[in-house]
Amino acid sequence: MDPGLMALLAVMCLVMLSISMLRRSERRRATAREVTREQVARIREQRDIGSSLDELLVRLEQFSRDINAQIETRCVKIETLIRDADARIAQLERLRGASGGDGTGGNAGPAPGITAPAAERRRLEAGSMPAVGGLPTAERRPRETPSEVPMAARRTQVYTLADGGASATTIARDLRMPLGEVELLLKLRQYGT
């Protein structure tokens, strides 16, 4: 073989080898650039997520403050309503104590704030019936308040009348007790408590 041809072949191999090495180095550079770009994109994404989380935390904190303020406001309103109710109960008990506790009150007219049907009911409970058609009123025995008769005695009276065949309505009327209380006592007896 001709030495010139050999030299030409050697030069060509060197050129091809150098071209292939250049391409590899370019690929490495391109890969390094892509990796750098990906890392920068990840960092930006993490920053965005972090700022979104920070905003979310701020909003949640504000929301919890608003909820706490609403709860405190409602608690204050409830406490005010409870105090008002207690004051009204105390006022009613004072009025009841001033009227003798039996519901008659010694007054001819209804107490302030009591409607006409309620005043009529109080008069009936007190023992007098209104005149009907010009007939005189019938007197009834004075009503004992539930607090004057012990619970055990009332229960015994209810059970005795019930054993005698009286209905709950009759028992309530005869003993001057609320119908609901009589029915409750009879139900409790029925269930053995």
N, C-alpha and C. Protein backbone atom coordinates (compact mmCIF):
# COMPACT_ATOMS: atom_id res chain seq x y z
N MET A 1 0.80 -1.18 0.00
CA MET A 1 0.00 0.00 0.00
C MET A 1 0.85 1.25 0.00
N ASP A 2 0.21 2.18 -0.61
CA ASP A 2 0.91 3.44 -0.79
C ASP A 2 0.91 4.20 0.54
N PRO A 3 2.09 4.76 0.94
CA PRO A 3 2.11 5.49 2.21
C PRO A 3 1.25 6.73 2.18
N GLY A 4 1.02 7.32 1.04
CA GLY A 4 0.16 8.51 0.96
C GLY A 4 -1.29 8.13 1.25
N LEU A 5 -1.66 6.95 0.70
CA LEU A 5 -3.01 6.49 0.95
C LEU A 5 -3.21 6.15 2.41
N MET A 6 -2.20 5.59 3.03
CA MET A 6 -2.26 5.24 4.45
C MET A 6 -2.36 6.51 5.27
N ALA A 7 -1.62 7.50 4.88
CA ALA A 7 -1.68 8.75 5.64
C ALA A 7 -3.05 9.38 5.49
N LEU A 8 -3.60 9.28 4.25
CA LEU A 8 -4.94 9.83 4.03
C LEU A 8 -5.98 9.09 4.86
N LEU A 9 -5.87 7.78 4.90
CA LEU A 9 -6.79 6.99 5.73
C LEU A 9 -6.63 7.35 7.20
N ALA A 10 -5.45 7.53 7.67
CA ALA A 10 -5.21 7.88 9.07
C ALA A 10 -5.79 9.24 9.37
N VAL A 11 -5.64 10.18 8.44
CA VAL A 11 -6.20 11.53 8.65
C VAL A 11 -7.71 11.45 8.67
N MET A 12 -8.28 10.64 7.82
CA MET A 12 -9.73 10.52 7.78
C MET A 12 -10.24 9.89 9.07
N CYS A 13 -9.57 8.90 9.58
CA CYS A 13 -9.98 8.28 10.86
C CYS A 13 -9.90 9.30 11.97
N LEU A 14 -8.84 10.11 11.96
CA LEU A 14 -8.71 11.13 13.01
C LEU A 14 -9.82 12.17 12.90
N VAL A 15 -10.19 12.55 11.68
CA VAL A 15 -11.26 13.54 11.49
C VAL A 15 -12.58 12.95 11.98
N MET A 16 -12.85 11.71 11.64
CA MET A 16 -14.09 11.08 12.07
C MET A 16 -14.13 10.92 13.58
N LEU A 17 -13.01 10.57 14.15
CA LEU A 17 -12.94 10.42 15.60
C LEU A 17 -13.15 11.77 16.28
N SER A 18 -12.56 12.81 15.75
CA SER A 18 -12.74 14.14 16.35
C SER A 18 -14.17 14.64 16.18
N ILE A 19 -14.81 14.35 15.03
CA ILE A 19 -16.22 14.74 14.83
C ILE A 19 -17.12 14.02 15.84
N SER A 20 -16.90 12.75 16.03
CA SER A 20 -17.70 11.98 16.98
C SER A 20 -17.50 12.49 18.41
N MET A 21 -16.27 12.89 18.75
CA MET A 21 -16.01 13.43 20.10
C MET A 21 -16.68 14.79 20.27
N LEU A 22 -16.67 15.60 19.22
CA LEU A 22 -17.35 16.89 19.28
C LEU A 22 -18.86 16.71 19.49
N ARG A 23 -19.42 15.76 18.77
CA ARG A 23 -20.86 15.51 18.93
C ARG A 23 -21.18 15.06 20.35
N ARG A 24 -20.37 14.19 20.93
CA ARG A 24 -20.59 13.73 22.30
C ARG A 24 -20.52 14.88 23.28
N SER A 25 -19.52 15.74 23.09
CA SER A 25 -19.37 16.88 24.01
C SER A 25 -20.56 17.83 23.88
N GLU A 26 -21.07 17.99 22.64
CA GLU A 26 -22.25 18.84 22.44
C GLU A 26 -23.47 18.23 23.12
N ARG A 27 -23.60 16.92 23.00
CA ARG A 27 -24.71 16.25 23.68
C ARG A 27 -24.62 16.43 25.19
N ARG A 28 -23.41 16.29 25.71
CA ARG A 28 -23.23 16.48 27.16
C ARG A 28 -23.59 17.90 27.55
N ARG A 29 -23.16 18.86 26.74
CA ARG A 29 -23.48 20.26 27.04
C ARG A 29 -24.99 20.48 26.97
N ALA A 30 -25.65 19.90 25.94
CA ALA A 30 -27.10 20.04 25.80
C ALA A 30 -27.80 19.37 26.98
N THR A 31 -27.32 18.22 27.37
CA THR A 31 -27.90 17.51 28.51
C THR A 31 -27.70 18.32 29.79
N ALA A 32 -26.53 18.89 29.97
CA ALA A 32 -26.26 19.72 31.15
C ALA A 32 -27.17 20.95 31.15
N ARG A 33 -27.38 21.55 29.97
CA ARG A 33 -28.28 22.71 29.90
C ARG A 33 -29.71 22.31 30.25
N GLU A 34 -30.13 21.15 29.70
CA GLU A 34 -31.48 20.69 30.00
C GLU A 34 -31.65 20.39 31.48
N VAL A 35 -30.65 19.76 32.07
CA VAL A 35 -30.71 19.46 33.50
C VAL A 35 -30.79 20.76 34.29
N THR A 36 -29.98 21.74 33.91
CA THR A 36 -30.01 23.04 34.59
C THR A 36 -31.38 23.69 34.43
N ARG A 37 -31.92 23.64 33.22
CA ARG A 37 -33.25 24.22 33.00
C ARG A 37 -34.30 23.51 33.84
N GLU A 38 -34.24 22.18 33.90
CA GLU A 38 -35.20 21.42 34.71
C GLU A 38 -35.09 21.78 36.19
N GLN A 39 -33.86 21.91 36.66
CA GLN A 39 -33.66 22.27 38.06
C GLN A 39 -34.21 23.66 38.35
N VAL A 40 -33.95 24.60 37.42
CA VAL A 40 -34.48 25.96 37.60
C VAL A 40 -36.01 25.93 37.59
N ALA A 41 -36.60 25.12 36.69
CA ALA A 41 -38.06 25.02 36.63
C ALA A 41 -38.62 24.42 37.92
N ARG A 42 -37.94 23.40 38.46
CA ARG A 42 -38.38 22.80 39.74
C ARG A 42 -38.30 23.81 40.88
N ILE A 43 -37.20 24.56 40.90
CA ILE A 43 -37.04 25.56 41.96
C ILE A 43 -38.15 26.60 41.88
N ARG A 44 -38.45 27.05 40.66
CA ARG A 44 -39.54 28.03 40.49
C ARG A 44 -40.88 27.44 40.94
N GLU A 45 -41.11 26.19 40.56
CA GLU A 45 -42.36 25.51 40.93
C GLU A 45 -42.46 25.39 42.45
N GLN A 46 -41.37 25.03 43.12
CA GLN A 46 -41.36 24.92 44.58
C GLN A 46 -41.63 26.28 45.22
N ARG A 47 -41.05 27.34 44.64
CA ARG A 47 -41.31 28.68 45.17
C ARG A 47 -42.78 29.05 45.02
N ASP A 48 -43.35 28.72 43.85
CA ASP A 48 -44.77 29.00 43.63
C ASP A 48 -45.65 28.23 44.62
N ILE A 49 -45.33 26.96 44.82
CA ILE A 49 -46.09 26.15 45.77
C ILE A 49 -45.94 26.71 47.18
N GLY A 50 -44.73 27.10 47.53
CA GLY A 50 -44.49 27.68 48.86
C GLY A 50 -45.28 28.96 49.07
N SER A 51 -45.30 29.83 48.05
CA SER A 51 -46.05 31.07 48.20
C SER A 51 -47.55 30.79 48.24
N SER A 52 -48.03 29.80 47.48
CA SER A 52 -49.45 29.43 47.53
C SER A 52 -49.81 28.89 48.91
N LEU A 53 -48.94 28.08 49.48
CA LEU A 53 -49.19 27.55 50.83
C LEU A 53 -49.20 28.67 51.86
N ASP A 54 -48.29 29.61 51.71
CA ASP A 54 -48.27 30.75 52.64
C ASP A 54 -49.57 31.54 52.55
N GLU A 55 -50.05 31.79 51.33
CA GLU A 55 -51.32 32.50 51.16
C GLU A 55 -52.47 31.71 51.77
N LEU A 56 -52.45 30.40 51.56
CA LEU A 56 -53.50 29.55 52.11
C LEU A 56 -53.49 29.59 53.63
N LEU A 57 -52.31 29.54 54.23
CA LEU A 57 -52.21 29.60 55.69
C LEU A 57 -52.73 30.93 56.22
N VAL A 58 -52.41 32.01 55.53
CA VAL A 58 -52.89 33.33 55.95
C VAL A 58 -54.42 33.36 55.88
N ARG A 59 -54.97 32.83 54.81
CA ARG A 59 -56.44 32.82 54.66
C ARG A 59 -57.09 31.95 55.74
N LEU A 60 -56.50 30.78 56.01
CA LEU A 60 -57.04 29.91 57.05
C LEU A 60 -56.99 30.57 58.42
N GLU A 61 -55.90 31.27 58.69
CA GLU A 61 -55.78 31.97 59.97
C GLU A 61 -56.84 33.05 60.09
N GLN A 62 -57.07 33.80 59.03
CA GLN A 62 -58.10 34.85 59.03
C GLN A 62 -59.49 34.23 59.19
N PHE A 63 -59.72 33.12 58.50
CA PHE A 63 -61.01 32.43 58.60
C PHE A 63 -61.25 31.95 60.03
N SER A 64 -60.23 31.37 60.66
CA SER A 64 -60.39 30.90 62.05
C SER A 64 -60.63 32.08 62.99
N ARG A 65 -60.01 33.22 62.75
CA ARG A 65 -60.28 34.40 63.57
C ARG A 65 -61.73 34.84 63.42
N ASP A 66 -62.22 34.83 62.18
CA ASP A 66 -63.62 35.22 61.94
C ASP A 66 -64.58 34.27 62.64
N ILE A 67 -64.31 32.98 62.54
CA ILE A 67 -65.17 31.98 63.20
C ILE A 67 -65.15 32.17 64.71
N ASN A 68 -63.97 32.37 65.27
CA ASN A 68 -63.87 32.58 66.72
C ASN A 68 -64.62 33.82 67.15
N ALA A 69 -64.54 34.88 66.36
CA ALA A 69 -65.27 36.11 66.70
C ALA A 69 -66.77 35.87 66.66
N GLN A 70 -67.24 35.13 65.66
CA GLN A 70 -68.68 34.83 65.59
C GLN A 70 -69.13 33.98 66.77
N ILE A 71 -68.33 33.00 67.13
CA ILE A 71 -68.68 32.14 68.26
C ILE A 71 -68.72 32.96 69.55
N GLU A 72 -67.74 33.82 69.76
CA GLU A 72 -67.73 34.65 70.96
C GLU A 72 -68.94 35.58 70.99
N THR A 73 -69.29 36.14 69.85
CA THR A 73 -70.47 37.01 69.78
C THR A 73 -71.73 36.25 70.14
N ARG A 74 -71.87 35.06 69.61
CA ARG A 74 -73.06 34.26 69.92
C ARG A 74 -73.08 33.83 71.38
N CYS A 75 -71.92 33.52 71.94
CA CYS A 75 -71.86 33.16 73.36
C CYS A 75 -72.30 34.34 74.22
N VAL A 76 -71.86 35.52 73.87
CA VAL A 76 -72.26 36.72 74.63
C VAL A 76 -73.77 36.92 74.52
N LYS A 77 -74.31 36.73 73.31
CA LYS A 77 -75.76 36.87 73.13
C LYS A 77 -76.52 35.85 73.97
N ILE A 78 -76.04 34.61 73.96
CA ILE A 78 -76.70 33.56 74.74
C ILE A 78 -76.64 33.87 76.23
N GLU A 79 -75.48 34.32 76.71
CA GLU A 79 -75.37 34.67 78.11
C GLU A 79 -76.30 35.81 78.47
N THR A 80 -76.44 36.79 77.57
CA THR A 80 -77.36 37.90 77.80
C THR A 80 -78.79 37.40 77.86
N LEU A 81 -79.16 36.51 76.94
CA LEU A 81 -80.51 35.95 76.95
C LEU A 81 -80.77 35.15 78.22
N ILE A 82 -79.79 34.40 78.68
CA ILE A 82 -79.95 33.62 79.91
C ILE A 82 -80.14 34.56 81.10
N ARG A 83 -79.35 35.64 81.15
CA ARG A 83 -79.52 36.60 82.25
C ARG A 83 -80.90 37.23 82.21
N ASP A 84 -81.37 37.59 81.00
CA ASP A 84 -82.71 38.17 80.87
C ASP A 84 -83.77 37.19 81.33
N ALA A 85 -83.62 35.92 80.91
CA ALA A 85 -84.59 34.90 81.32
C ALA A 85 -84.58 34.72 82.83
N ASP A 86 -83.39 34.68 83.43
CA ASP A 86 -83.31 34.56 84.89
C ASP A 86 -83.96 35.74 85.59
N ALA A 87 -83.76 36.94 85.04
CA ALA A 87 -84.38 38.12 85.64
C ALA A 87 -85.89 38.05 85.53
N ARG A 88 -86.40 37.59 84.40
CA ARG A 88 -87.85 37.47 84.23
C ARG A 88 -88.43 36.40 85.14
N ILE A 89 -87.71 35.29 85.29
CA ILE A 89 -88.16 34.24 86.21
C ILE A 89 -88.22 34.78 87.63
N ALA A 90 -87.18 35.51 88.03
CA ALA A 90 -87.16 36.09 89.38
C ALA A 90 -88.32 37.07 89.55
N GLN A 91 -88.59 37.87 88.50
CA GLN A 91 -89.69 38.83 88.58
C GLN A 91 -91.03 38.10 88.70
N LEU A 92 -91.21 37.03 87.92
CA LEU A 92 -92.45 36.25 88.01
C LEU A 92 -92.61 35.61 89.39
N GLU A 93 -91.52 35.12 89.94
CA GLU A 93 -91.60 34.52 91.28
C GLU A 93 -91.91 35.57 92.33
N ARG A 94 -91.35 36.79 92.17
CA ARG A 94 -91.69 37.87 93.10
C ARG A 94 -93.17 38.21 93.00
N LEU A 95 -93.67 38.30 91.76
CA LEU A 95 -95.10 38.59 91.57
C LEU A 95 -95.97 37.47 92.13
N ARG A 96 -95.54 36.25 91.93
CA ARG A 96 -96.30 35.12 92.46
C ARG A 96 -96.28 35.14 93.98
N GLY A 97 -95.10 35.44 94.56
CA GLY A 97 -95.01 35.53 96.03
C GLY A 97 -95.84 36.69 96.57
N ALA A 98 -95.89 37.80 95.84
CA ALA A 98 -96.67 38.95 96.29
C ALA A 98 -98.16 38.67 96.17
N SER A 99 -98.55 37.75 95.27
CA SER A 99 -99.97 37.47 95.10
C SER A 99 -100.44 36.35 96.01
N GLY A 100 -99.60 35.86 96.87
CA GLY A 100 -100.01 34.85 97.83
C GLY A 100 -99.64 33.44 97.40
N GLY A 101 -99.11 33.27 96.20
CA GLY A 101 -98.62 31.97 95.78
C GLY A 101 -99.70 31.03 95.31
N ASP A 102 -101.00 31.36 95.50
CA ASP A 102 -102.05 30.44 95.08
C ASP A 102 -102.65 30.81 93.75
N GLY A 103 -102.17 31.88 93.15
CA GLY A 103 -102.66 32.27 91.85
C GLY A 103 -103.82 33.24 91.92
N THR A 104 -104.36 33.51 93.12
CA THR A 104 -105.50 34.43 93.18
C THR A 104 -105.02 35.86 93.12
N GLY A 105 -104.01 36.17 93.85
CA GLY A 105 -103.42 37.50 93.80
C GLY A 105 -104.24 38.55 94.49
N GLY A 106 -105.45 38.26 94.90
CA GLY A 106 -106.27 39.23 95.58
C GLY A 106 -106.72 40.37 94.70
N ASN A 107 -106.42 40.33 93.42
CA ASN A 107 -106.79 41.40 92.51
C ASN A 107 -108.02 41.01 91.73
N ALA A 108 -108.84 41.99 91.39
CA ALA A 108 -110.02 41.71 90.60
C ALA A 108 -109.65 41.53 89.14
N GLY A 109 -108.69 42.27 88.65
CA GLY A 109 -108.30 42.21 87.25
C GLY A 109 -107.09 41.34 87.04
N PRO A 110 -106.79 41.07 85.80
CA PRO A 110 -105.61 40.26 85.53
C PRO A 110 -104.33 41.03 85.82
N ALA A 111 -103.26 40.29 86.15
CA ALA A 111 -101.97 40.90 86.41
C ALA A 111 -101.41 41.44 85.10
N PRO A 112 -100.52 42.42 85.17
CA PRO A 112 -99.95 42.97 83.93
C PRO A 112 -99.25 41.87 83.14
N GLY A 113 -99.49 41.88 81.85
CA GLY A 113 -98.83 40.91 80.99
C GLY A 113 -99.57 39.60 80.87
N ILE A 114 -100.71 39.42 81.60
CA ILE A 114 -101.47 38.18 81.53
C ILE A 114 -102.69 38.44 80.65
N THR A 115 -102.93 37.59 79.70
CA THR A 115 -104.05 37.80 78.79
C THR A 115 -105.35 37.44 79.48
N ALA A 116 -106.45 37.83 78.88
CA ALA A 116 -107.76 37.58 79.49
C ALA A 116 -108.03 36.09 79.68
N PRO A 117 -107.73 35.19 78.71
CA PRO A 117 -107.96 33.77 78.96
C PRO A 117 -107.10 33.25 80.11
N ALA A 118 -105.87 33.74 80.21
CA ALA A 118 -105.03 33.31 81.33
C ALA A 118 -105.60 33.80 82.64
N ALA A 119 -106.15 35.03 82.68
CA ALA A 119 -106.76 35.55 83.91
C ALA A 119 -107.97 34.72 84.28
N GLU A 120 -108.76 34.33 83.30
CA GLU A 120 -109.94 33.49 83.56
C GLU A 120 -109.52 32.14 84.11
N ARG A 121 -108.46 31.57 83.52
CA ARG A 121 -107.95 30.29 84.00
C ARG A 121 -107.47 30.41 85.43
N ARG A 122 -106.80 31.51 85.77
CA ARG A 122 -106.34 31.71 87.15
C ARG A 122 -107.51 31.83 88.10
N ARG A 123 -108.58 32.50 87.67
CA ARG A 123 -109.74 32.65 88.54
C ARG A 123 -110.40 31.29 88.77
N LEU A 124 -110.46 30.46 87.71
CA LEU A 124 -111.03 29.13 87.86
C LEU A 124 -110.19 28.26 88.79
N GLU A 125 -108.85 28.36 88.64
CA GLU A 125 -107.97 27.61 89.50
C GLU A 125 -108.08 28.07 90.94
N ALA A 126 -108.41 29.34 91.14
CA ALA A 126 -108.50 29.89 92.48
C ALA A 126 -109.74 29.38 93.20
N GLY A 127 -110.72 28.88 92.48
CA GLY A 127 -111.84 28.29 93.18
C GLY A 127 -113.17 28.96 92.91
N SER A 128 -113.26 29.96 92.13
CA SER A 128 -114.55 30.56 91.85
C SER A 128 -114.85 30.45 90.38
N MET A 129 -116.13 30.24 90.08
CA MET A 129 -116.55 30.15 88.70
C MET A 129 -117.32 31.41 88.36
N PRO A 130 -117.19 31.91 87.15
CA PRO A 130 -117.92 33.11 86.78
C PRO A 130 -119.41 32.82 86.70
N ALA A 131 -120.19 33.85 86.93
CA ALA A 131 -121.64 33.70 86.86
C ALA A 131 -122.03 33.49 85.42
N VAL A 132 -122.89 32.50 85.19
CA VAL A 132 -123.36 32.20 83.86
C VAL A 132 -124.88 32.38 83.86
N GLY A 133 -125.39 33.24 83.01
CA GLY A 133 -126.84 33.45 82.90
C GLY A 133 -127.45 33.99 84.17
N GLY A 134 -126.73 34.76 84.93
CA GLY A 134 -127.26 35.37 86.13
C GLY A 134 -127.22 34.48 87.35
N LEU A 135 -126.71 33.24 87.24
CA LEU A 135 -126.62 32.34 88.39
C LEU A 135 -125.44 32.76 89.25
N PRO A 136 -125.52 32.55 90.55
CA PRO A 136 -124.39 32.91 91.42
C PRO A 136 -123.20 31.99 91.15
N THR A 137 -122.01 32.48 91.49
CA THR A 137 -120.80 31.69 91.28
C THR A 137 -120.72 30.57 92.28
N ALA A 138 -120.22 29.43 91.86
CA ALA A 138 -120.07 28.28 92.74
C ALA A 138 -118.68 28.33 93.35
N GLU A 139 -118.61 28.17 94.64
CA GLU A 139 -117.32 28.17 95.32
C GLU A 139 -116.72 26.77 95.27
N ARG A 140 -115.43 26.71 95.07
CA ARG A 140 -114.72 25.45 95.07
C ARG A 140 -113.70 25.48 96.18
N ARG A 141 -113.20 24.32 96.55
CA ARG A 141 -112.22 24.30 97.64
C ARG A 141 -110.92 24.96 97.18
N PRO A 142 -110.21 25.63 98.10
CA PRO A 142 -108.99 26.33 97.70
C PRO A 142 -107.96 25.36 97.12
N ARG A 143 -107.27 25.85 96.15
CA ARG A 143 -106.26 25.04 95.46
C ARG A 143 -104.97 25.04 96.24
N GLU A 144 -104.40 23.84 96.38
CA GLU A 144 -103.07 23.74 97.00
C GLU A 144 -102.06 23.78 95.88
N THR A 145 -101.01 24.52 96.07
CA THR A 145 -99.98 24.57 95.05
C THR A 145 -99.18 23.27 95.12
N PRO A 146 -98.61 22.85 94.00
CA PRO A 146 -97.86 21.59 94.00
C PRO A 146 -96.74 21.58 95.01
N SER A 147 -96.17 22.74 95.31
CA SER A 147 -95.07 22.76 96.27
C SER A 147 -95.56 22.51 97.69
N GLU A 148 -96.88 22.73 97.95
CA GLU A 148 -97.41 22.52 99.30
C GLU A 148 -97.68 21.04 99.57
N VAL A 149 -97.94 20.26 98.52
CA VAL A 149 -98.20 18.84 98.67
C VAL A 149 -96.96 18.09 98.24
N PRO A 150 -96.41 17.24 99.12
CA PRO A 150 -95.20 16.50 98.74
C PRO A 150 -95.47 15.62 97.52
N MET A 151 -94.42 15.39 96.75
CA MET A 151 -94.53 14.63 95.52
C MET A 151 -95.03 13.22 95.80
N ALA A 152 -94.56 12.59 96.86
CA ALA A 152 -94.98 11.22 97.18
C ALA A 152 -96.47 11.17 97.46
N ALA A 153 -96.99 12.18 98.16
CA ALA A 153 -98.42 12.21 98.47
C ALA A 153 -99.24 12.42 97.19
N ARG A 154 -98.79 13.28 96.31
CA ARG A 154 -99.50 13.50 95.05
C ARG A 154 -99.51 12.22 94.22
N ARG A 155 -98.37 11.55 94.19
CA ARG A 155 -98.28 10.30 93.43
C ARG A 155 -99.26 9.27 93.99
N THR A 156 -99.32 9.15 95.31
CA THR A 156 -100.23 8.20 95.94
C THR A 156 -101.67 8.54 95.61
N GLN A 157 -102.02 9.83 95.66
CA GLN A 157 -103.39 10.24 95.34
C GLN A 157 -103.72 9.90 93.88
N VAL A 158 -102.80 10.16 92.98
CA VAL A 158 -103.03 9.87 91.57
C VAL A 158 -103.22 8.37 91.37
N TYR A 159 -102.37 7.55 91.98
CA TYR A 159 -102.46 6.11 91.82
C TYR A 159 -103.76 5.57 92.40
N THR A 160 -104.18 6.13 93.56
CA THR A 160 -105.42 5.67 94.20
C THR A 160 -106.62 5.96 93.30
N LEU A 161 -106.69 7.17 92.77
CA LEU A 161 -107.81 7.52 91.91
C LEU A 161 -107.77 6.71 90.61
N ALA A 162 -106.57 6.46 90.07
CA ALA A 162 -106.44 5.68 88.85
C ALA A 162 -106.89 4.24 89.10
N ASP A 163 -106.53 3.68 90.27
CA ASP A 163 -106.98 2.33 90.61
C ASP A 163 -108.49 2.28 90.75
N GLY A 164 -109.11 3.41 91.14
CA GLY A 164 -110.57 3.49 91.26
C GLY A 164 -111.26 3.64 89.92
N GLY A 165 -110.50 3.75 88.85
CA GLY A 165 -111.09 3.81 87.52
C GLY A 165 -111.23 5.22 86.97
N ALA A 166 -110.68 6.22 87.65
CA ALA A 166 -110.79 7.60 87.17
C ALA A 166 -109.84 7.83 86.01
N SER A 167 -110.25 8.66 85.07
CA SER A 167 -109.41 8.99 83.92
C SER A 167 -108.39 10.04 84.35
N ALA A 168 -107.38 10.23 83.50
CA ALA A 168 -106.33 11.21 83.80
C ALA A 168 -106.92 12.61 83.89
N THR A 169 -107.88 12.91 83.04
CA THR A 169 -108.52 14.24 83.06
C THR A 169 -109.26 14.46 84.36
N THR A 170 -109.99 13.45 84.82
CA THR A 170 -110.74 13.55 86.08
C THR A 170 -109.79 13.70 87.26
N ILE A 171 -108.72 12.94 87.25
CA ILE A 171 -107.73 13.02 88.33
C ILE A 171 -107.12 14.41 88.38
N ALA A 172 -106.75 14.93 87.20
CA ALA A 172 -106.15 16.26 87.15
C ALA A 172 -107.12 17.31 87.67
N ARG A 173 -108.39 17.20 87.30
CA ARG A 173 -109.38 18.17 87.76
C ARG A 173 -109.61 18.04 89.26
N ASP A 174 -109.77 16.81 89.79
CA ASP A 174 -110.06 16.61 91.20
C ASP A 174 -108.89 17.02 92.10
N LEU A 175 -107.68 16.74 91.66
CA LEU A 175 -106.51 17.05 92.49
C LEU A 175 -105.90 18.41 92.17
N ARG A 176 -106.49 19.13 91.21
CA ARG A 176 -106.00 20.46 90.80
C ARG A 176 -104.53 20.38 90.38
N MET A 177 -104.26 19.38 89.54
CA MET A 177 -102.91 19.17 89.03
C MET A 177 -102.92 19.35 87.53
N PRO A 178 -101.80 19.72 86.94
CA PRO A 178 -101.74 19.77 85.48
C PRO A 178 -101.94 18.37 84.90
N LEU A 179 -102.67 18.31 83.80
CA LEU A 179 -102.96 17.03 83.15
C LEU A 179 -101.67 16.32 82.73
N GLY A 180 -100.72 17.08 82.24
CA GLY A 180 -99.45 16.48 81.82
C GLY A 180 -98.73 15.79 82.97
N GLU A 181 -98.80 16.38 84.16
CA GLU A 181 -98.14 15.78 85.33
C GLU A 181 -98.83 14.46 85.70
N VAL A 182 -100.17 14.45 85.65
CA VAL A 182 -100.92 13.23 85.97
C VAL A 182 -100.57 12.14 84.96
N GLU A 183 -100.57 12.50 83.67
CA GLU A 183 -100.25 11.52 82.65
C GLU A 183 -98.83 10.98 82.80
N LEU A 184 -97.91 11.86 83.16
CA LEU A 184 -96.53 11.43 83.37
C LEU A 184 -96.44 10.44 84.52
N LEU A 185 -97.12 10.73 85.64
CA LEU A 185 -97.08 9.83 86.79
C LEU A 185 -97.68 8.47 86.42
N LEU A 186 -98.77 8.47 85.67
CA LEU A 186 -99.38 7.20 85.27
C LEU A 186 -98.48 6.41 84.32
N LYS A 187 -97.79 7.12 83.41
CA LYS A 187 -96.86 6.43 82.51
C LYS A 187 -95.68 5.85 83.28
N LEU A 188 -95.17 6.63 84.23
CA LEU A 188 -94.04 6.13 85.04
C LEU A 188 -94.45 4.89 85.82
N ARG A 189 -95.69 4.89 86.34
CA ARG A 189 -96.17 3.71 87.07
C ARG A 189 -96.29 2.53 86.12
N GLN A 190 -96.78 2.79 84.92
CA GLN A 190 -96.96 1.74 83.93
C GLN A 190 -95.64 1.05 83.59
N TYR A 191 -94.54 1.86 83.52
CA TYR A 191 -93.24 1.29 83.18
C TYR A 191 -92.45 0.86 84.41
N GLY A 192 -93.05 0.99 85.58
CA GLY A 192 -92.44 0.47 86.79
C GLY A 192 -91.32 1.30 87.36
N THR A 193 -91.32 2.62 87.11
CA THR A 193 -90.25 3.47 87.68
C THR A 193 -90.80 4.30 88.80
